[in-house]
Protein backbone atom coordinates (compact mmCIF):
# COMPACT_ATOMS: atom_id res chain seq x y z
CA MET A 1 -5.54 -12.24 0.91
CA ALA A 2 -4.16 -9.21 2.71
CA ALA A 3 -6.52 -6.29 3.26
CA ILE A 4 -5.18 -3.01 1.84
CA ARG A 5 -6.43 0.36 3.08
CA PHE A 6 -5.69 3.47 1.02
CA PHE A 7 -5.63 6.95 2.56
CA ALA A 8 -5.69 10.52 1.21
CA GLY A 9 -3.95 10.86 -2.20
CA ALA A 10 -3.40 7.11 -2.47
CA ALA A 11 -7.16 6.53 -2.15
CA GLU A 12 -7.82 9.19 -4.79
CA ALA A 13 -5.28 7.68 -7.21
CA ALA A 14 -6.64 4.15 -6.72
CA ALA A 15 -10.25 5.44 -6.81
CA LEU A 16 -11.12 3.34 -3.76
CA GLU A 17 -10.39 3.04 -0.06
CA THR A 18 -9.93 -0.71 0.37
CA ALA A 19 -8.89 -3.73 -1.67
CA THR A 20 -7.50 -7.22 -1.15
CA PHE A 21 -4.34 -8.65 -2.70
CA ASP A 22 -2.59 -11.99 -2.58
CA ALA A 23 1.05 -10.94 -2.21
CA ALA A 24 3.92 -12.80 -0.54
CA THR A 25 5.95 -9.70 0.40
CA ILE A 26 5.67 -5.92 0.53
CA GLY A 27 7.78 -5.74 -2.64
CA ASP A 28 5.38 -8.09 -4.41
CA LEU A 29 2.46 -5.97 -3.20
CA ARG A 30 4.09 -2.77 -4.51
CA GLY A 31 4.44 -4.37 -7.93
CA GLN A 32 0.85 -5.57 -7.98
CA LEU A 33 -0.48 -2.18 -6.85
CA SER A 34 1.48 -0.36 -9.55
CA ALA A 35 0.33 -2.79 -12.23
CA ARG A 36 -3.33 -2.53 -11.23
CA TYR A 37 -3.65 1.21 -10.57
CA GLY A 38 -1.20 2.68 -13.10
CA ALA A 39 1.61 5.19 -13.39
CA GLU A 40 0.05 8.01 -11.34
CA PHE A 41 -0.62 5.64 -8.45
CA GLU A 42 2.94 4.27 -8.74
CA ARG A 43 4.29 7.84 -8.47
CA ILE A 44 2.28 8.41 -5.29
CA LEU A 45 3.15 4.97 -3.91
CA GLY A 46 6.84 5.88 -4.14
CA ARG A 47 6.26 8.54 -1.48
CA CYS A 48 3.96 6.49 0.74
CA SER A 49 4.67 4.66 3.96
CA LEU A 50 3.32 1.13 4.17
CA LEU A 51 2.24 -0.15 7.56
CA VAL A 52 1.67 -3.87 8.12
CA ASN A 53 -0.64 -4.39 11.08
CA GLY A 54 0.36 -0.94 12.36
CA THR A 55 4.13 -1.38 11.98
CA ARG A 56 6.02 0.47 9.27
CA ALA A 57 7.43 -1.87 6.61
CA THR A 58 10.77 -0.38 5.59
CA ASP A 59 11.98 -3.41 3.62
CA ASP A 60 10.39 -4.93 0.51
CA ALA A 61 11.21 -8.39 1.91
CA VAL A 62 8.66 -8.03 4.75
CA PRO A 63 6.39 -11.08 4.39
CA LEU A 64 2.60 -10.80 4.11
CA SER A 65 -0.06 -13.29 5.09
CA GLY A 66 -3.75 -13.47 4.36
CA SER A 67 -4.63 -12.07 7.79
CA ASP A 68 -2.49 -8.90 7.44
CA THR A 69 -3.78 -5.37 7.01
CA VAL A 70 -1.59 -2.98 5.01
CA ASP A 71 -2.15 0.77 5.25
CA VAL A 72 -0.92 2.91 2.33
CA LEU A 73 -0.21 6.33 3.84
CA PRO A 74 0.96 9.31 1.78
CA PRO A 75 3.02 11.96 3.57
CA PHE A 76 0.91 14.19 5.77
CA ALA A 77 1.43 17.84 6.52
CA GLY A 78 0.28 19.11 9.86
CA GLY A 79 0.39 21.99 12.15
């Protein structure tokens, strides 16, 4: 199972900071996250970047394995 780490607004919407999921691809993971955490989380997820082992996953076909770590990062503002 892949380890999922939620940050900022994504952590608030999921009401936790970490979870594990058994997903074959990033697209599969997105679907599972939306189903588990609901419409508000899905809205936030649509704006998030997903990093697999530190590399941005820009395609839903990116494969996942049980040893992967996926970071769910909402947009950040900075100065």
